[in-house]
Amino acid sequence: MYLSAAGAAFIKQQEGPRLLSPQPDPGQFGGTVIGWGHYYPAGTPTSQIPTSISATQAETFFQSDVTTASQAVSQSLTVPVTQQAFDGLVDYAYNRGAQNYQNSGVAEAINGGSLQAAATIIKSTGLGCNNPSLIKRRNLEATLLLGTATNINGAYSFP
């Protein structure tokens, strides 16, 4: 399964463009982000972080990072999911990182037959950092997983 155009638009909307310069990652792990959320872990030497990137480079980073997140989700699932659910899971893996997604227990809950348990895990992730935008993002990812968003002209709309 592949990330849909609506899923890609959702990720870009959540990440927001940081084309001009790298920004501190507002998440709980620190680090630096540039483009559509391309992540450099805390401790990365500044000489390895670009001082600015073009829109083309941002898209290249995005496609590479989406591929990594999509593969992590695809490889972890043993049961079929809807496109909407897949898009929500890819956003979760994209934002948290493939390894953190794989260790989250989300796939195990889905493979065990409980989308609701998986949604609960997603919504509880990141609550400790008191970041309202992250809490909102996790709720939207859970909404996608549970299939209660609407795809209107290639963009998700939420209840």
N, C-alpha and C. Protein backbone atom coordinates (compact mmCIF):
# COMPACT_ATOMS: atom_id res chain seq x y z
N MET A 1 0.85 -1.18 0.00
CA MET A 1 0.00 0.00 0.00
C MET A 1 0.90 1.24 0.00
N TYR A 2 0.41 2.31 -0.61
CA TYR A 2 1.18 3.54 -0.72
C TYR A 2 0.41 4.70 -0.10
N LEU A 3 1.14 5.69 0.35
CA LEU A 3 0.54 6.91 0.87
C LEU A 3 -0.25 7.59 -0.24
N SER A 4 -1.48 7.98 0.05
CA SER A 4 -2.30 8.66 -0.95
C SER A 4 -1.91 10.14 -1.04
N ALA A 5 -2.42 10.78 -2.09
CA ALA A 5 -2.20 12.22 -2.23
C ALA A 5 -2.77 12.98 -1.05
N ALA A 6 -3.94 12.54 -0.56
CA ALA A 6 -4.53 13.18 0.62
C ALA A 6 -3.65 12.97 1.85
N GLY A 7 -3.06 11.78 1.96
CA GLY A 7 -2.15 11.51 3.08
C GLY A 7 -0.90 12.37 3.02
N ALA A 8 -0.34 12.53 1.83
CA ALA A 8 0.84 13.38 1.67
C ALA A 8 0.50 14.83 2.00
N ALA A 9 -0.66 15.30 1.54
CA ALA A 9 -1.08 16.66 1.85
C ALA A 9 -1.27 16.84 3.36
N PHE A 10 -1.81 15.82 4.01
CA PHE A 10 -2.02 15.88 5.46
C PHE A 10 -0.68 16.01 6.19
N ILE A 11 0.30 15.20 5.81
CA ILE A 11 1.61 15.28 6.46
C ILE A 11 2.21 16.66 6.25
N LYS A 12 2.17 17.15 5.03
CA LYS A 12 2.75 18.47 4.76
C LYS A 12 2.03 19.56 5.55
N GLN A 13 0.72 19.43 5.68
CA GLN A 13 -0.04 20.41 6.47
C GLN A 13 0.39 20.36 7.93
N GLN A 14 0.58 19.14 8.46
CA GLN A 14 0.97 19.00 9.86
C GLN A 14 2.39 19.50 10.11
N GLU A 15 3.26 19.23 9.17
CA GLU A 15 4.67 19.61 9.33
C GLU A 15 4.91 21.10 9.07
N GLY A 16 4.21 21.65 8.08
CA GLY A 16 4.47 23.03 7.69
C GLY A 16 5.84 23.15 7.06
N PRO A 17 5.98 24.00 6.06
CA PRO A 17 7.28 24.11 5.38
C PRO A 17 8.28 24.92 6.18
N ARG A 18 9.48 24.43 6.20
CA ARG A 18 10.60 25.14 6.83
C ARG A 18 11.70 25.23 5.78
N LEU A 19 11.39 25.89 4.67
CA LEU A 19 12.29 25.88 3.53
C LEU A 19 13.48 26.80 3.72
N LEU A 20 13.32 27.87 4.42
CA LEU A 20 14.37 28.87 4.47
C LEU A 20 15.51 28.48 5.41
N SER A 21 15.18 27.90 6.52
CA SER A 21 16.25 27.56 7.47
C SER A 21 15.78 26.45 8.40
N PRO A 22 16.72 25.72 8.97
CA PRO A 22 16.34 24.68 9.93
C PRO A 22 15.74 25.29 11.18
N GLN A 23 14.87 24.53 11.81
CA GLN A 23 14.18 24.98 13.03
C GLN A 23 14.33 23.92 14.11
N PRO A 24 14.34 24.32 15.38
CA PRO A 24 14.35 23.32 16.45
C PRO A 24 13.09 22.46 16.36
N ASP A 25 13.24 21.17 16.57
CA ASP A 25 12.09 20.27 16.57
C ASP A 25 11.29 20.52 17.84
N PRO A 26 9.98 20.83 17.72
CA PRO A 26 9.19 21.10 18.91
C PRO A 26 8.80 19.85 19.69
N GLY A 27 9.15 18.68 19.18
CA GLY A 27 8.77 17.42 19.83
C GLY A 27 9.62 17.12 21.04
N GLN A 28 9.35 15.98 21.64
CA GLN A 28 10.00 15.60 22.89
C GLN A 28 11.42 15.09 22.73
N PHE A 29 11.88 14.88 21.48
CA PHE A 29 13.20 14.31 21.28
C PHE A 29 14.27 15.34 20.93
N GLY A 30 13.87 16.60 20.75
CA GLY A 30 14.83 17.62 20.37
C GLY A 30 15.25 17.43 18.93
N GLY A 31 16.38 17.96 18.57
CA GLY A 31 16.86 17.84 17.20
C GLY A 31 16.45 19.04 16.37
N THR A 32 16.60 18.89 15.06
CA THR A 32 16.36 19.97 14.12
C THR A 32 15.56 19.43 12.94
N VAL A 33 14.66 20.25 12.43
CA VAL A 33 13.88 19.87 11.25
C VAL A 33 14.03 20.95 10.18
N ILE A 34 13.90 20.51 8.93
CA ILE A 34 13.94 21.41 7.79
C ILE A 34 13.05 20.82 6.70
N GLY A 35 12.56 21.67 5.81
CA GLY A 35 11.66 21.17 4.77
C GLY A 35 10.33 20.75 5.37
N TRP A 36 9.82 19.63 4.91
CA TRP A 36 8.55 19.09 5.42
C TRP A 36 8.81 18.13 6.57
N GLY A 37 9.55 18.57 7.57
CA GLY A 37 9.79 17.75 8.75
C GLY A 37 10.96 16.80 8.63
N HIS A 38 11.89 17.05 7.70
CA HIS A 38 13.09 16.21 7.61
C HIS A 38 13.89 16.41 8.89
N TYR A 39 14.19 15.33 9.57
CA TYR A 39 14.68 15.37 10.95
C TYR A 39 16.17 15.07 11.06
N TYR A 40 16.85 15.89 11.84
CA TYR A 40 18.23 15.65 12.24
C TYR A 40 18.23 15.48 13.75
N PRO A 41 18.65 14.32 14.27
CA PRO A 41 18.60 14.08 15.72
C PRO A 41 19.45 15.07 16.50
N ALA A 42 19.06 15.26 17.76
CA ALA A 42 19.86 16.08 18.66
C ALA A 42 21.29 15.55 18.65
N GLY A 43 22.24 16.45 18.64
CA GLY A 43 23.64 16.05 18.62
C GLY A 43 24.24 15.96 17.24
N THR A 44 23.41 16.10 16.19
CA THR A 44 23.95 16.10 14.82
C THR A 44 24.83 17.34 14.67
N PRO A 45 26.06 17.17 14.22
CA PRO A 45 26.93 18.34 14.04
C PRO A 45 26.27 19.36 13.10
N THR A 46 26.36 20.62 13.45
CA THR A 46 25.73 21.65 12.64
C THR A 46 26.28 21.66 11.21
N SER A 47 27.49 21.18 11.02
CA SER A 47 28.06 21.13 9.67
C SER A 47 27.32 20.14 8.78
N GLN A 48 26.54 19.23 9.37
CA GLN A 48 25.78 18.24 8.59
C GLN A 48 24.34 18.67 8.34
N ILE A 49 23.94 19.81 8.90
CA ILE A 49 22.57 20.31 8.74
C ILE A 49 22.61 21.48 7.77
N PRO A 50 21.87 21.40 6.65
CA PRO A 50 21.90 22.51 5.70
C PRO A 50 21.35 23.79 6.33
N THR A 51 21.92 24.91 5.94
CA THR A 51 21.45 26.19 6.47
C THR A 51 20.19 26.66 5.75
N SER A 52 19.96 26.14 4.55
CA SER A 52 18.71 26.38 3.83
C SER A 52 18.61 25.31 2.73
N ILE A 53 17.38 25.11 2.25
CA ILE A 53 17.17 24.16 1.16
C ILE A 53 16.16 24.75 0.19
N SER A 54 16.16 24.22 -1.01
CA SER A 54 15.19 24.64 -2.03
C SER A 54 13.91 23.82 -1.87
N ALA A 55 12.88 24.25 -2.57
CA ALA A 55 11.63 23.49 -2.58
C ALA A 55 11.85 22.10 -3.17
N THR A 56 12.73 22.00 -4.16
CA THR A 56 13.04 20.70 -4.78
C THR A 56 13.71 19.78 -3.77
N GLN A 57 14.67 20.30 -3.01
CA GLN A 57 15.35 19.49 -1.99
C GLN A 57 14.37 19.08 -0.89
N ALA A 58 13.49 20.00 -0.50
CA ALA A 58 12.47 19.67 0.51
C ALA A 58 11.60 18.52 0.04
N GLU A 59 11.22 18.54 -1.23
CA GLU A 59 10.38 17.47 -1.78
C GLU A 59 11.16 16.15 -1.86
N THR A 60 12.43 16.22 -2.19
CA THR A 60 13.27 15.02 -2.22
C THR A 60 13.37 14.40 -0.83
N PHE A 61 13.64 15.24 0.17
CA PHE A 61 13.68 14.74 1.56
C PHE A 61 12.33 14.14 1.93
N PHE A 62 11.24 14.84 1.57
CA PHE A 62 9.90 14.37 1.92
C PHE A 62 9.63 12.99 1.32
N GLN A 63 9.91 12.82 0.04
CA GLN A 63 9.65 11.54 -0.61
C GLN A 63 10.47 10.42 0.03
N SER A 64 11.71 10.69 0.37
CA SER A 64 12.55 9.69 1.02
C SER A 64 12.02 9.33 2.41
N ASP A 65 11.64 10.35 3.18
CA ASP A 65 11.13 10.12 4.52
C ASP A 65 9.78 9.41 4.51
N VAL A 66 8.92 9.75 3.53
CA VAL A 66 7.62 9.08 3.38
C VAL A 66 7.83 7.61 3.02
N THR A 67 8.78 7.34 2.16
CA THR A 67 9.08 5.96 1.79
C THR A 67 9.49 5.15 3.01
N THR A 68 10.35 5.71 3.84
CA THR A 68 10.79 5.02 5.06
C THR A 68 9.60 4.75 5.98
N ALA A 69 8.76 5.76 6.19
CA ALA A 69 7.60 5.59 7.07
C ALA A 69 6.60 4.60 6.50
N SER A 70 6.35 4.68 5.19
CA SER A 70 5.40 3.76 4.55
C SER A 70 5.87 2.32 4.63
N GLN A 71 7.16 2.10 4.43
CA GLN A 71 7.71 0.74 4.52
C GLN A 71 7.59 0.21 5.95
N ALA A 72 7.84 1.06 6.93
CA ALA A 72 7.72 0.61 8.33
C ALA A 72 6.29 0.17 8.62
N VAL A 73 5.32 0.94 8.14
CA VAL A 73 3.91 0.59 8.37
C VAL A 73 3.55 -0.68 7.60
N SER A 74 3.89 -0.73 6.32
CA SER A 74 3.54 -1.90 5.50
C SER A 74 4.13 -3.18 6.06
N GLN A 75 5.38 -3.12 6.48
CA GLN A 75 6.05 -4.32 6.98
C GLN A 75 5.52 -4.77 8.33
N SER A 76 4.88 -3.87 9.07
CA SER A 76 4.42 -4.22 10.41
C SER A 76 3.01 -4.81 10.43
N LEU A 77 2.26 -4.59 9.37
CA LEU A 77 0.86 -5.01 9.36
C LEU A 77 0.68 -6.38 8.71
N THR A 78 -0.11 -7.22 9.35
CA THR A 78 -0.44 -8.54 8.81
C THR A 78 -1.91 -8.63 8.43
N VAL A 79 -2.65 -7.55 8.65
CA VAL A 79 -4.07 -7.50 8.29
C VAL A 79 -4.28 -6.29 7.39
N PRO A 80 -5.31 -6.34 6.54
CA PRO A 80 -5.57 -5.19 5.67
C PRO A 80 -6.13 -4.01 6.46
N VAL A 81 -5.80 -2.81 5.99
CA VAL A 81 -6.38 -1.59 6.56
C VAL A 81 -6.87 -0.73 5.40
N THR A 82 -7.73 0.23 5.70
CA THR A 82 -8.21 1.14 4.68
C THR A 82 -7.10 2.12 4.28
N GLN A 83 -7.29 2.78 3.15
CA GLN A 83 -6.32 3.79 2.72
C GLN A 83 -6.23 4.90 3.76
N GLN A 84 -7.36 5.30 4.30
CA GLN A 84 -7.38 6.36 5.31
C GLN A 84 -6.58 5.95 6.55
N ALA A 85 -6.78 4.72 6.99
CA ALA A 85 -6.04 4.21 8.14
C ALA A 85 -4.54 4.17 7.84
N PHE A 86 -4.19 3.69 6.66
CA PHE A 86 -2.79 3.63 6.27
C PHE A 86 -2.17 5.03 6.27
N ASP A 87 -2.88 6.01 5.73
CA ASP A 87 -2.37 7.37 5.70
C ASP A 87 -2.12 7.90 7.12
N GLY A 88 -3.05 7.63 8.02
CA GLY A 88 -2.87 8.06 9.42
C GLY A 88 -1.68 7.38 10.07
N LEU A 89 -1.50 6.10 9.79
CA LEU A 89 -0.36 5.37 10.35
C LEU A 89 0.96 5.86 9.78
N VAL A 90 0.99 6.18 8.49
CA VAL A 90 2.22 6.71 7.90
C VAL A 90 2.55 8.07 8.50
N ASP A 91 1.54 8.90 8.72
CA ASP A 91 1.82 10.19 9.37
C ASP A 91 2.42 9.98 10.75
N TYR A 92 1.86 9.05 11.49
CA TYR A 92 2.36 8.74 12.84
C TYR A 92 3.82 8.26 12.77
N ALA A 93 4.11 7.36 11.83
CA ALA A 93 5.48 6.85 11.68
C ALA A 93 6.41 7.94 11.17
N TYR A 94 5.93 8.78 10.28
CA TYR A 94 6.72 9.88 9.73
C TYR A 94 7.13 10.83 10.85
N ASN A 95 6.17 11.17 11.69
CA ASN A 95 6.43 12.14 12.75
C ASN A 95 7.25 11.56 13.90
N ARG A 96 7.01 10.33 14.24
CA ARG A 96 7.71 9.72 15.38
C ARG A 96 9.03 9.06 14.98
N GLY A 97 9.15 8.70 13.71
CA GLY A 97 10.29 7.93 13.24
C GLY A 97 9.90 6.47 13.13
N ALA A 98 10.45 5.80 12.14
CA ALA A 98 10.07 4.41 11.86
C ALA A 98 10.33 3.50 13.06
N GLN A 99 11.47 3.65 13.71
CA GLN A 99 11.80 2.79 14.85
C GLN A 99 10.83 3.01 16.02
N ASN A 100 10.51 4.25 16.30
CA ASN A 100 9.56 4.53 17.39
C ASN A 100 8.17 4.00 17.05
N TYR A 101 7.78 4.10 15.77
CA TYR A 101 6.51 3.50 15.35
C TYR A 101 6.53 2.00 15.61
N GLN A 102 7.60 1.34 15.17
CA GLN A 102 7.68 -0.11 15.32
C GLN A 102 7.66 -0.55 16.78
N ASN A 103 8.13 0.29 17.67
CA ASN A 103 8.16 -0.06 19.09
C ASN A 103 6.92 0.41 19.85
N SER A 104 5.97 1.04 19.16
CA SER A 104 4.85 1.69 19.84
C SER A 104 3.74 0.75 20.29
N GLY A 105 3.62 -0.42 19.66
CA GLY A 105 2.52 -1.32 19.97
C GLY A 105 1.30 -1.10 19.09
N VAL A 106 1.34 -0.07 18.24
CA VAL A 106 0.19 0.24 17.38
C VAL A 106 -0.09 -0.91 16.41
N ALA A 107 0.94 -1.38 15.71
CA ALA A 107 0.74 -2.46 14.74
C ALA A 107 0.26 -3.73 15.43
N GLU A 108 0.79 -4.01 16.59
CA GLU A 108 0.36 -5.21 17.31
C GLU A 108 -1.12 -5.14 17.64
N ALA A 109 -1.60 -3.97 18.04
CA ALA A 109 -3.02 -3.81 18.35
C ALA A 109 -3.86 -4.01 17.09
N ILE A 110 -3.43 -3.42 15.98
CA ILE A 110 -4.18 -3.58 14.71
C ILE A 110 -4.17 -5.03 14.28
N ASN A 111 -2.99 -5.66 14.29
CA ASN A 111 -2.89 -7.06 13.88
C ASN A 111 -3.70 -7.97 14.79
N GLY A 112 -3.89 -7.55 16.04
CA GLY A 112 -4.70 -8.30 16.99
C GLY A 112 -6.19 -8.02 16.84
N GLY A 113 -6.56 -7.13 15.93
CA GLY A 113 -7.97 -6.89 15.66
C GLY A 113 -8.58 -5.69 16.35
N SER A 114 -7.76 -4.84 16.97
CA SER A 114 -8.33 -3.72 17.70
C SER A 114 -7.82 -2.37 17.20
N LEU A 115 -8.55 -1.81 16.25
CA LEU A 115 -8.22 -0.45 15.81
C LEU A 115 -8.39 0.54 16.95
N GLN A 116 -9.38 0.30 17.80
CA GLN A 116 -9.63 1.21 18.92
C GLN A 116 -8.44 1.24 19.87
N ALA A 117 -7.87 0.08 20.18
CA ALA A 117 -6.69 0.03 21.05
C ALA A 117 -5.52 0.75 20.39
N ALA A 118 -5.36 0.57 19.08
CA ALA A 118 -4.29 1.26 18.36
C ALA A 118 -4.50 2.77 18.41
N ALA A 119 -5.75 3.21 18.23
CA ALA A 119 -6.05 4.64 18.29
C ALA A 119 -5.75 5.21 19.67
N THR A 120 -6.03 4.43 20.69
CA THR A 120 -5.75 4.87 22.06
C THR A 120 -4.24 5.03 22.27
N ILE A 121 -3.46 4.10 21.75
CA ILE A 121 -2.00 4.21 21.85
C ILE A 121 -1.52 5.47 21.13
N ILE A 122 -2.02 5.69 19.92
CA ILE A 122 -1.62 6.87 19.15
C ILE A 122 -1.94 8.14 19.92
N LYS A 123 -3.17 8.23 20.42
CA LYS A 123 -3.58 9.45 21.12
C LYS A 123 -2.79 9.70 22.40
N SER A 124 -2.32 8.64 23.03
CA SER A 124 -1.58 8.82 24.29
C SER A 124 -0.12 9.17 24.06
N THR A 125 0.38 8.99 22.84
CA THR A 125 1.79 9.25 22.54
C THR A 125 2.05 10.75 22.50
N GLY A 126 2.99 11.19 23.27
CA GLY A 126 3.36 12.60 23.25
C GLY A 126 2.62 13.46 24.25
N LEU A 127 1.72 12.87 25.03
CA LEU A 127 0.97 13.67 26.00
C LEU A 127 1.90 14.28 27.05
N GLY A 128 2.99 13.61 27.34
CA GLY A 128 3.90 14.08 28.38
C GLY A 128 4.63 15.35 28.04
N CYS A 129 4.65 15.74 26.77
CA CYS A 129 5.41 16.94 26.41
C CYS A 129 4.54 18.19 26.41
N ASN A 130 3.25 18.06 26.69
CA ASN A 130 2.34 19.20 26.78
C ASN A 130 2.39 20.11 25.56
N ASN A 131 2.42 19.53 24.38
CA ASN A 131 2.46 20.29 23.14
C ASN A 131 1.07 20.19 22.50
N PRO A 132 0.26 21.27 22.56
CA PRO A 132 -1.11 21.20 22.03
C PRO A 132 -1.19 20.80 20.56
N SER A 133 -0.24 21.24 19.74
CA SER A 133 -0.31 20.88 18.32
C SER A 133 -0.01 19.40 18.12
N LEU A 134 0.87 18.83 18.96
CA LEU A 134 1.15 17.40 18.87
C LEU A 134 -0.05 16.58 19.34
N ILE A 135 -0.70 17.03 20.40
CA ILE A 135 -1.89 16.33 20.89
C ILE A 135 -2.98 16.36 19.81
N LYS A 136 -3.16 17.51 19.15
CA LYS A 136 -4.14 17.61 18.06
C LYS A 136 -3.76 16.66 16.93
N ARG A 137 -2.48 16.63 16.58
CA ARG A 137 -2.04 15.75 15.49
C ARG A 137 -2.33 14.29 15.82
N ARG A 138 -2.04 13.86 17.04
CA ARG A 138 -2.30 12.47 17.42
C ARG A 138 -3.80 12.16 17.35
N ASN A 139 -4.64 13.11 17.74
CA ASN A 139 -6.08 12.89 17.64
C ASN A 139 -6.52 12.77 16.18
N LEU A 140 -5.93 13.56 15.29
CA LEU A 140 -6.27 13.48 13.87
C LEU A 140 -5.78 12.16 13.28
N GLU A 141 -4.60 11.71 13.68
CA GLU A 141 -4.10 10.40 13.21
C GLU A 141 -5.04 9.28 13.65
N ALA A 142 -5.51 9.36 14.89
CA ALA A 142 -6.45 8.35 15.39
C ALA A 142 -7.76 8.40 14.61
N THR A 143 -8.20 9.60 14.27
CA THR A 143 -9.42 9.76 13.47
C THR A 143 -9.25 9.10 12.10
N LEU A 144 -8.10 9.31 11.47
CA LEU A 144 -7.83 8.65 10.19
C LEU A 144 -7.83 7.13 10.37
N LEU A 145 -7.17 6.65 11.40
CA LEU A 145 -7.10 5.21 11.65
C LEU A 145 -8.50 4.61 11.78
N LEU A 146 -9.37 5.30 12.48
CA LEU A 146 -10.72 4.78 12.73
C LEU A 146 -11.67 5.04 11.57
N GLY A 147 -11.20 5.77 10.54
CA GLY A 147 -12.00 5.96 9.34
C GLY A 147 -13.10 6.98 9.45
N THR A 148 -12.97 7.94 10.34
CA THR A 148 -14.04 8.91 10.54
C THR A 148 -13.75 10.28 9.93
N ALA A 149 -12.69 10.37 9.12
CA ALA A 149 -12.44 11.60 8.36
C ALA A 149 -13.07 11.43 6.98
N THR A 150 -13.18 12.52 6.25
CA THR A 150 -13.74 12.49 4.90
C THR A 150 -12.69 13.01 3.93
N ASN A 151 -12.54 12.34 2.80
CA ASN A 151 -11.61 12.79 1.76
C ASN A 151 -12.42 13.62 0.76
N ILE A 152 -12.15 14.93 0.75
CA ILE A 152 -12.86 15.84 -0.14
C ILE A 152 -11.84 16.44 -1.10
N ASN A 153 -11.96 16.09 -2.37
CA ASN A 153 -11.06 16.61 -3.41
C ASN A 153 -9.60 16.43 -3.06
N GLY A 154 -9.25 15.27 -2.54
CA GLY A 154 -7.84 14.97 -2.26
C GLY A 154 -7.29 15.53 -0.97
N ALA A 155 -8.18 15.99 -0.08
CA ALA A 155 -7.73 16.49 1.23
C ALA A 155 -8.68 15.95 2.30
N TYR A 156 -8.12 15.62 3.45
CA TYR A 156 -8.95 15.10 4.53
C TYR A 156 -9.65 16.23 5.27
N SER A 157 -10.90 15.97 5.62
CA SER A 157 -11.70 16.86 6.44
C SER A 157 -12.09 16.07 7.69
N PHE A 158 -12.01 16.72 8.83
CA PHE A 158 -12.22 16.01 10.09
C PHE A 158 -13.49 16.49 10.77
N PRO A 159 -14.17 15.54 11.46
CA PRO A 159 -15.42 15.90 12.17
C PRO A 159 -15.15 16.82 13.34
